[in-house]
Amino acid sequence: MEAKYEYMDHPADIKIHSWGASVEESFAGAVLATVRCMASPNTETGETETETIAASGNTLEDLLFQTVEEIIEKTLFDGFVTHSVAGLAITQTDSAFALHAELVGAQFSEDRHRRGLEVKAMTYSDLSLSSTAPFDCYFIVDV
Protein backbone atom coordinates (compact mmCIF):
# COMPACT_ATOMS: atom_id res chain seq x y z
CA MET A 1 0.00 0.00 0.00
CA GLU A 2 1.49 3.32 -1.02
CA ALA A 3 1.45 5.87 1.78
CA LYS A 4 0.20 9.31 0.93
CA TYR A 5 0.57 11.89 3.67
CA GLU A 6 1.94 15.29 4.53
CA TYR A 7 2.70 17.25 7.67
CA MET A 8 0.85 20.53 8.01
CA ASP A 9 1.59 23.67 9.99
CA HIS A 10 0.35 23.67 13.57
CA PRO A 11 1.37 26.08 16.35
CA ALA A 12 2.21 23.46 18.99
CA ASP A 13 1.79 19.90 17.78
CA ILE A 14 1.89 18.00 14.48
CA LYS A 15 -1.05 18.08 12.10
CA ILE A 16 -1.16 15.16 9.68
CA HIS A 17 -3.08 14.88 6.43
CA SER A 18 -3.27 11.43 4.84
CA TRP A 19 -5.29 10.45 1.80
CA GLY A 20 -6.01 7.62 -0.57
CA ALA A 21 -8.37 6.16 -3.12
CA SER A 22 -9.94 4.15 -0.27
CA VAL A 23 -10.42 4.61 3.46
CA GLU A 24 -7.90 1.80 3.96
CA GLU A 25 -5.22 3.64 1.96
CA SER A 26 -5.87 6.80 3.93
CA PHE A 27 -5.54 4.92 7.24
CA ALA A 28 -2.30 3.27 6.02
CA GLY A 29 -0.92 6.74 5.31
CA ALA A 30 -1.97 7.85 8.80
CA VAL A 31 -0.11 4.89 10.34
CA LEU A 32 3.12 5.59 8.45
CA ALA A 33 2.98 9.35 8.99
CA THR A 34 2.64 8.79 12.73
CA VAL A 35 5.54 6.33 12.87
CA ARG A 36 7.80 8.58 10.82
CA CYS A 37 7.27 11.40 13.31
CA MET A 38 8.75 9.10 15.94
CA ALA A 39 11.57 7.31 14.08
CA SER A 40 13.00 7.24 10.60
CA PRO A 41 12.83 3.73 9.17
CA ASN A 42 15.86 2.27 7.43
CA THR A 43 14.43 -0.14 4.90
CA GLU A 44 17.85 -1.07 3.51
CA THR A 45 18.81 -3.38 6.37
CA GLY A 46 17.03 -6.36 4.87
CA GLU A 47 15.86 -7.31 8.36
CA THR A 48 12.11 -7.29 8.58
CA GLU A 49 9.51 -8.58 10.96
CA THR A 50 5.76 -8.64 10.72
CA GLU A 51 3.49 -7.34 13.46
CA THR A 52 -0.25 -6.83 13.56
CA ILE A 53 -2.50 -4.24 15.11
CA ALA A 54 -6.23 -4.29 15.67
CA ALA A 55 -8.57 -1.48 16.60
CA SER A 56 -12.28 -0.81 16.81
CA GLY A 57 -14.55 2.19 17.08
CA ASN A 58 -18.18 3.22 16.85
CA THR A 59 -17.39 5.66 14.02
CA LEU A 60 -14.60 5.96 11.46
CA GLU A 61 -13.24 8.90 13.49
CA ASP A 62 -13.11 6.69 16.60
CA LEU A 63 -11.48 3.95 14.54
CA LEU A 64 -8.79 6.33 13.28
CA PHE A 65 -8.15 7.55 16.82
CA GLN A 66 -7.80 3.99 18.15
CA THR A 67 -5.59 2.97 15.20
CA VAL A 68 -3.19 5.87 15.73
CA GLU A 69 -3.10 5.13 19.48
CA GLU A 70 -2.24 1.48 18.68
CA ILE A 71 0.64 2.49 16.39
CA ILE A 72 1.98 4.96 18.97
CA GLU A 73 2.01 2.18 21.58
CA LYS A 74 3.57 -0.31 19.15
CA THR A 75 6.36 2.17 18.37
CA LEU A 76 6.96 3.66 21.84
CA PHE A 77 6.50 0.65 24.07
CA ASP A 78 7.31 -2.30 21.81
CA GLY A 79 10.08 -0.50 19.88
CA PHE A 80 8.68 -1.63 16.53
CA VAL A 81 9.41 0.76 13.65
CA THR A 82 6.95 0.21 10.81
CA HIS A 83 8.44 0.48 7.31
CA SER A 84 5.26 -0.34 5.39
CA VAL A 85 1.70 -1.55 5.75
CA ALA A 86 1.37 -4.88 3.94
CA GLY A 87 -2.35 -5.18 4.44
CA LEU A 88 -5.06 -3.19 6.15
CA ALA A 89 -8.72 -4.17 6.26
CA ILE A 90 -11.64 -2.27 7.73
CA THR A 91 -14.90 -4.07 8.37
CA GLN A 92 -18.23 -2.65 9.47
CA THR A 93 -20.98 -4.23 11.51
CA ASP A 94 -24.31 -2.67 12.44
CA SER A 95 -22.83 -0.72 15.32
CA ALA A 96 -19.05 -0.53 14.91
CA PHE A 97 -15.98 -0.54 12.70
CA ALA A 98 -12.97 -2.82 13.10
CA LEU A 99 -9.48 -2.60 11.65
CA HIS A 100 -6.83 -5.26 11.24
CA ALA A 101 -3.44 -4.32 9.79
CA GLU A 102 -0.25 -6.21 9.01
CA LEU A 103 2.83 -4.07 9.55
CA VAL A 104 6.29 -4.72 8.13
CA GLY A 105 9.26 -3.26 9.98
CA ALA A 106 11.99 -3.94 12.50
CA GLN A 107 12.84 -3.43 16.14
CA PHE A 108 14.28 0.02 16.83
CA SER A 109 18.08 0.11 16.79
CA GLU A 110 20.29 3.19 17.24
CA ASP A 111 22.47 1.76 14.44
CA ARG A 112 19.63 1.58 11.92
CA HIS A 113 17.10 4.22 12.91
CA ARG A 114 17.10 7.87 13.81
CA ARG A 115 14.93 8.95 16.72
CA GLY A 116 12.27 11.48 15.94
CA LEU A 117 9.84 13.33 18.15
CA GLU A 118 8.18 11.86 21.20
CA VAL A 119 4.56 11.53 20.19
CA LYS A 120 2.44 11.30 23.33
CA ALA A 121 -1.02 10.74 21.90
CA MET A 122 -3.50 11.63 19.21
CA THR A 123 -6.08 14.30 19.97
CA TYR A 124 -9.66 14.68 18.79
CA SER A 125 -8.89 18.33 17.99
CA ASP A 126 -9.23 19.04 14.25
CA LEU A 127 -10.00 15.37 13.55
CA SER A 128 -11.88 14.95 10.29
CA LEU A 129 -12.41 12.33 7.61
CA SER A 130 -14.04 12.74 4.23
CA SER A 131 -16.68 10.23 3.25
CA THR A 132 -15.98 10.28 -0.49
CA ALA A 133 -12.90 9.75 -2.65
CA PRO A 134 -10.25 10.93 -2.28
CA PHE A 135 -10.53 9.87 1.34
CA ASP A 136 -8.78 12.55 3.39
CA CYS A 137 -7.90 12.20 7.07
CA TYR A 138 -6.79 15.18 9.13
CA PHE A 139 -5.64 14.76 12.72
CA ILE A 140 -3.22 16.11 15.30
CA VAL A 141 -0.70 14.22 17.39
CA ASP A 142 0.49 15.71 20.67
CA VAL A 143 4.28 16.00 20.97
C-alpha atoms as a PDB file:
ATOM      1  CA  MET A   1       0.000   0.000   0.000  1.00  0.00           C
ATOM      2  CA  GLU A   2       1.493   3.320  -1.024  1.00  0.00           C
ATOM      3  CA  ALA A   3       1.452   5.875   1.781  1.00  0.00           C
ATOM      4  CA  LYS A   4       0.199   9.315   0.929  1.00  0.00           C
ATOM      5  CA  TYR A   5       0.573  11.890   3.665  1.00  0.00           C
ATOM      6  CA  GLU A   6       1.945  15.293   4.530  1.00  0.00           C
ATOM      7  CA  TYR A   7       2.701  17.248   7.669  1.00  0.00           C
ATOM      8  CA  MET A   8       0.854  20.528   8.011  1.00  0.00           C
ATOM      9  CA  ASP A   9       1.587  23.669   9.995  1.00  0.00           C
ATOM     10  CA  HIS A  10       0.352  23.670  13.568  1.00  0.00           C
ATOM     11  CA  PRO A  11       1.366  26.078  16.351  1.00  0.00           C
ATOM     12  CA  ALA A  12       2.211  23.461  18.992  1.00  0.00           C
ATOM     13  CA  ASP A  13       1.791  19.896  17.783  1.00  0.00           C
ATOM     14  CA  ILE A  14       1.894  18.000  14.480  1.00  0.00           C
ATOM     15  CA  LYS A  15      -1.049  18.077  12.101  1.00  0.00           C
ATOM     16  CA  ILE A  16      -1.159  15.157   9.683  1.00  0.00           C
ATOM     17  CA  HIS A  17      -3.080  14.883   6.434  1.00  0.00           C
ATOM     18  CA  SER A  18      -3.266  11.432   4.844  1.00  0.00           C
ATOM     19  CA  TRP A  19      -5.292  10.450   1.805  1.00  0.00           C
ATOM     20  CA  GLY A  20      -6.011   7.617  -0.566  1.00  0.00           C
ATOM     21  CA  ALA A  21      -8.370   6.162  -3.119  1.00  0.00           C
ATOM     22  CA  SER A  22      -9.942   4.152  -0.272  1.00  0.00           C
ATOM     23  CA  VAL A  23     -10.421   4.609   3.458  1.00  0.00           C
ATOM     24  CA  GLU A  24      -7.897   1.796   3.959  1.00  0.00           C
ATOM     25  CA  GLU A  25      -5.224   3.636   1.955  1.00  0.00           C
ATOM     26  CA  SER A  26      -5.869   6.803   3.927  1.00  0.00           C
ATOM     27  CA  PHE A  27      -5.538   4.919   7.239  1.00  0.00           C
ATOM     28  CA  ALA A  28      -2.300   3.275   6.022  1.00  0.00           C
ATOM     29  CA  GLY A  29      -0.923   6.743   5.312  1.00  0.00           C
ATOM     30  CA  ALA A  30      -1.969   7.852   8.799  1.00  0.00           C
ATOM     31  CA  VAL A  31      -0.113   4.894  10.336  1.00  0.00           C
ATOM     32  CA  LEU A  32       3.122   5.589   8.450  1.00  0.00           C
ATOM     33  CA  ALA A  33       2.983   9.350   8.988  1.00  0.00           C
ATOM     34  CA  THR A  34       2.636   8.789  12.732  1.00  0.00           C
ATOM     35  CA  VAL A  35       5.542   6.327  12.874  1.00  0.00           C
ATOM     36  CA  ARG A  36       7.801   8.581  10.820  1.00  0.00           C
ATOM     37  CA  CYS A  37       7.267  11.404  13.308  1.00  0.00           C
ATOM     38  CA  MET A  38       8.753   9.096  15.938  1.00  0.00           C
ATOM     39  CA  ALA A  39      11.573   7.307  14.079  1.00  0.00           C
ATOM     40  CA  SER A  40      13.003   7.237  10.597  1.00  0.00           C
ATOM     41  CA  PRO A  41      12.834   3.731   9.167  1.00  0.00           C
ATOM     42  CA  ASN A  42      15.862   2.270   7.434  1.00  0.00           C
ATOM     43  CA  THR A  43      14.432  -0.138   4.902  1.00  0.00           C
ATOM     44  CA  GLU A  44      17.846  -1.066   3.512  1.00  0.00           C
ATOM     45  CA  THR A  45      18.812  -3.378   6.373  1.00  0.00           C
ATOM     46  CA  GLY A  46      17.032  -6.355   4.874  1.00  0.00           C
ATOM     47  CA  GLU A  47      15.864  -7.307   8.356  1.00  0.00           C
ATOM     48  CA  THR A  48      12.109  -7.294   8.582  1.00  0.00           C
ATOM     49  CA  GLU A  49       9.511  -8.580  10.957  1.00  0.00           C
ATOM     50  CA  THR A  50       5.761  -8.636  10.720  1.00  0.00           C
ATOM     51  CA  GLU A  51       3.489  -7.344  13.461  1.00  0.00           C
ATOM     52  CA  THR A  52      -0.250  -6.827  13.560  1.00  0.00           C
ATOM     53  CA  ILE A  53      -2.498  -4.238  15.111  1.00  0.00           C
ATOM     54  CA  ALA A  54      -6.225  -4.293  15.668  1.00  0.00           C
ATOM     55  CA  ALA A  55      -8.568  -1.476  16.596  1.00  0.00           C
ATOM     56  CA  SER A  56     -12.278  -0.809  16.806  1.00  0.00           C
ATOM     57  CA  GLY A  57     -14.554   2.192  17.082  1.00  0.00           C
ATOM     58  CA  ASN A  58     -18.175   3.217  16.851  1.00  0.00           C
ATOM     59  CA  THR A  59     -17.393   5.660  14.017  1.00  0.00           C
ATOM     60  CA  LEU A  60     -14.596   5.962  11.460  1.00  0.00           C
ATOM     61  CA  GLU A  61     -13.243   8.895  13.489  1.00  0.00           C
ATOM     62  CA  ASP A  62     -13.115   6.692  16.601  1.00  0.00           C
ATOM     63  CA  LEU A  63     -11.476   3.946  14.541  1.00  0.00           C
ATOM     64  CA  LEU A  64      -8.787   6.333  13.275  1.00  0.00           C
ATOM     65  CA  PHE A  65      -8.153   7.548  16.821  1.00  0.00           C
ATOM     66  CA  GLN A  66      -7.802   3.985  18.155  1.00  0.00           C
ATOM     67  CA  THR A  67      -5.593   2.969  15.203  1.00  0.00           C
ATOM     68  CA  VAL A  68      -3.192   5.866  15.733  1.00  0.00           C
ATOM     69  CA  GLU A  69      -3.096   5.127  19.478  1.00  0.00           C
ATOM     70  CA  GLU A  70      -2.236   1.480  18.681  1.00  0.00           C
ATOM     71  CA  ILE A  71       0.637   2.486  16.387  1.00  0.00           C
ATOM     72  CA  ILE A  72       1.978   4.962  18.966  1.00  0.00           C
ATOM     73  CA  GLU A  73       2.006   2.177  21.579  1.00  0.00           C
ATOM     74  CA  LYS A  74       3.574  -0.307  19.145  1.00  0.00           C
ATOM     75  CA  THR A  75       6.357   2.170  18.371  1.00  0.00           C
ATOM     76  CA  LEU A  76       6.956   3.657  21.839  1.00  0.00           C
ATOM     77  CA  PHE A  77       6.496   0.649  24.074  1.00  0.00           C
ATOM     78  CA  ASP A  78       7.309  -2.304  21.807  1.00  0.00           C
ATOM     79  CA  GLY A  79      10.075  -0.501  19.885  1.00  0.00           C
ATOM     80  CA  PHE A  80       8.682  -1.629  16.533  1.00  0.00           C
ATOM     81  CA  VAL A  81       9.409   0.760  13.647  1.00  0.00           C
ATOM     82  CA  THR A  82       6.951   0.206  10.807  1.00  0.00           C
ATOM     83  CA  HIS A  83       8.438   0.481   7.309  1.00  0.00           C
ATOM     84  CA  SER A  84       5.264  -0.339   5.389  1.00  0.00           C
ATOM     85  CA  VAL A  85       1.702  -1.545   5.752  1.00  0.00           C
ATOM     86  CA  ALA A  86       1.366  -4.882   3.943  1.00  0.00           C
ATOM     87  CA  GLY A  87      -2.347  -5.185   4.440  1.00  0.00           C
ATOM     88  CA  LEU A  88      -5.061  -3.193   6.147  1.00  0.00           C
ATOM     89  CA  ALA A  89      -8.716  -4.165   6.265  1.00  0.00           C
ATOM     90  CA  ILE A  90     -11.644  -2.266   7.730  1.00  0.00           C
ATOM     91  CA  THR A  91     -14.904  -4.067   8.375  1.00  0.00           C
ATOM     92  CA  GLN A  92     -18.233  -2.648   9.466  1.00  0.00           C
ATOM     93  CA  THR A  93     -20.978  -4.230  11.515  1.00  0.00           C
ATOM     94  CA  ASP A  94     -24.308  -2.672  12.437  1.00  0.00           C
ATOM     95  CA  SER A  95     -22.826  -0.715  15.323  1.00  0.00           C
ATOM     96  CA  ALA A  96     -19.052  -0.530  14.911  1.00  0.00           C
ATOM     97  CA  PHE A  97     -15.983  -0.539  12.697  1.00  0.00           C
ATOM     98  CA  ALA A  98     -12.972  -2.820  13.102  1.00  0.00           C
ATOM     99  CA  LEU A  99      -9.482  -2.601  11.645  1.00  0.00           C
ATOM    100  CA  HIS A 100      -6.825  -5.260  11.243  1.00  0.00           C
ATOM    101  CA  ALA A 101      -3.441  -4.322   9.793  1.00  0.00           C
ATOM    102  CA  GLU A 102      -0.250  -6.207   9.011  1.00  0.00           C
ATOM    103  CA  LEU A 103       2.830  -4.066   9.555  1.00  0.00           C
ATOM    104  CA  VAL A 104       6.291  -4.717   8.130  1.00  0.00           C
ATOM    105  CA  GLY A 105       9.258  -3.263   9.984  1.00  0.00           C
ATOM    106  CA  ALA A 106      11.995  -3.944  12.500  1.00  0.00           C
ATOM    107  CA  GLN A 107      12.843  -3.427  16.136  1.00  0.00           C
ATOM    108  CA  PHE A 108      14.284   0.015  16.833  1.00  0.00           C
ATOM    109  CA  SER A 109      18.083   0.109  16.787  1.00  0.00           C
ATOM    110  CA  GLU A 110      20.290   3.186  17.244  1.00  0.00           C
ATOM    111  CA  ASP A 111      22.469   1.763  14.442  1.00  0.00           C
ATOM    112  CA  ARG A 112      19.629   1.580  11.924  1.00  0.00           C
ATOM    113  CA  HIS A 113      17.099   4.220  12.911  1.00  0.00           C
ATOM    114  CA  ARG A 114      17.102   7.869  13.811  1.00  0.00           C
ATOM    115  CA  ARG A 115      14.929   8.949  16.724  1.00  0.00           C
ATOM    116  CA  GLY A 116      12.266  11.480  15.942  1.00  0.00           C
ATOM    117  CA  LEU A 117       9.842  13.335  18.154  1.00  0.00           C
ATOM    118  CA  GLU A 118       8.183  11.865  21.198  1.00  0.00           C
ATOM    119  CA  VAL A 119       4.559  11.532  20.194  1.00  0.00           C
ATOM    120  CA  LYS A 120       2.441  11.302  23.327  1.00  0.00           C
ATOM    121  CA  ALA A 121      -1.022  10.745  21.898  1.00  0.00           C
ATOM    122  CA  MET A 122      -3.499  11.629  19.213  1.00  0.00           C
ATOM    123  CA  THR A 123      -6.084  14.299  19.972  1.00  0.00           C
ATOM    124  CA  TYR A 124      -9.663  14.679  18.790  1.00  0.00           C
ATOM    125  CA  SER A 125      -8.891  18.327  17.994  1.00  0.00           C
ATOM    126  CA  ASP A 126      -9.226  19.042  14.249  1.00  0.00           C
ATOM    127  CA  LEU A 127     -10.003  15.368  13.548  1.00  0.00           C
ATOM    128  CA  SER A 128     -11.881  14.949  10.287  1.00  0.00           C
ATOM    129  CA  LEU A 129     -12.405  12.325   7.609  1.00  0.00           C
ATOM    130  CA  SER A 130     -14.038  12.738   4.228  1.00  0.00           C
ATOM    131  CA  SER A 131     -16.685  10.229   3.247  1.00  0.00           C
ATOM    132  CA  THR A 132     -15.981  10.279  -0.495  1.00  0.00           C
ATOM    133  CA  ALA A 133     -12.899   9.753  -2.649  1.00  0.00           C
ATOM    134  CA  PRO A 134     -10.250  10.926  -2.280  1.00  0.00           C
ATOM    135  CA  PHE A 135     -10.527   9.871   1.336  1.00  0.00           C
ATOM    136  CA  ASP A 136      -8.785  12.549   3.385  1.00  0.00           C
ATOM    137  CA  CYS A 137      -7.896  12.195   7.066  1.00  0.00           C
ATOM    138  CA  TYR A 138      -6.789  15.185   9.129  1.00  0.00           C
ATOM    139  CA  PHE A 139      -5.637  14.760  12.715  1.00  0.00           C
ATOM    140  CA  ILE A 140      -3.225  16.112  15.302  1.00  0.00           C
ATOM    141  CA  VAL A 141      -0.698  14.224  17.395  1.00  0.00           C
ATOM    142  CA  ASP A 142       0.488  15.708  20.668  1.00  0.00           C
ATOM    143  CA  VAL A 143       4.279  16.002  20.975  1.00  0.00           C
END
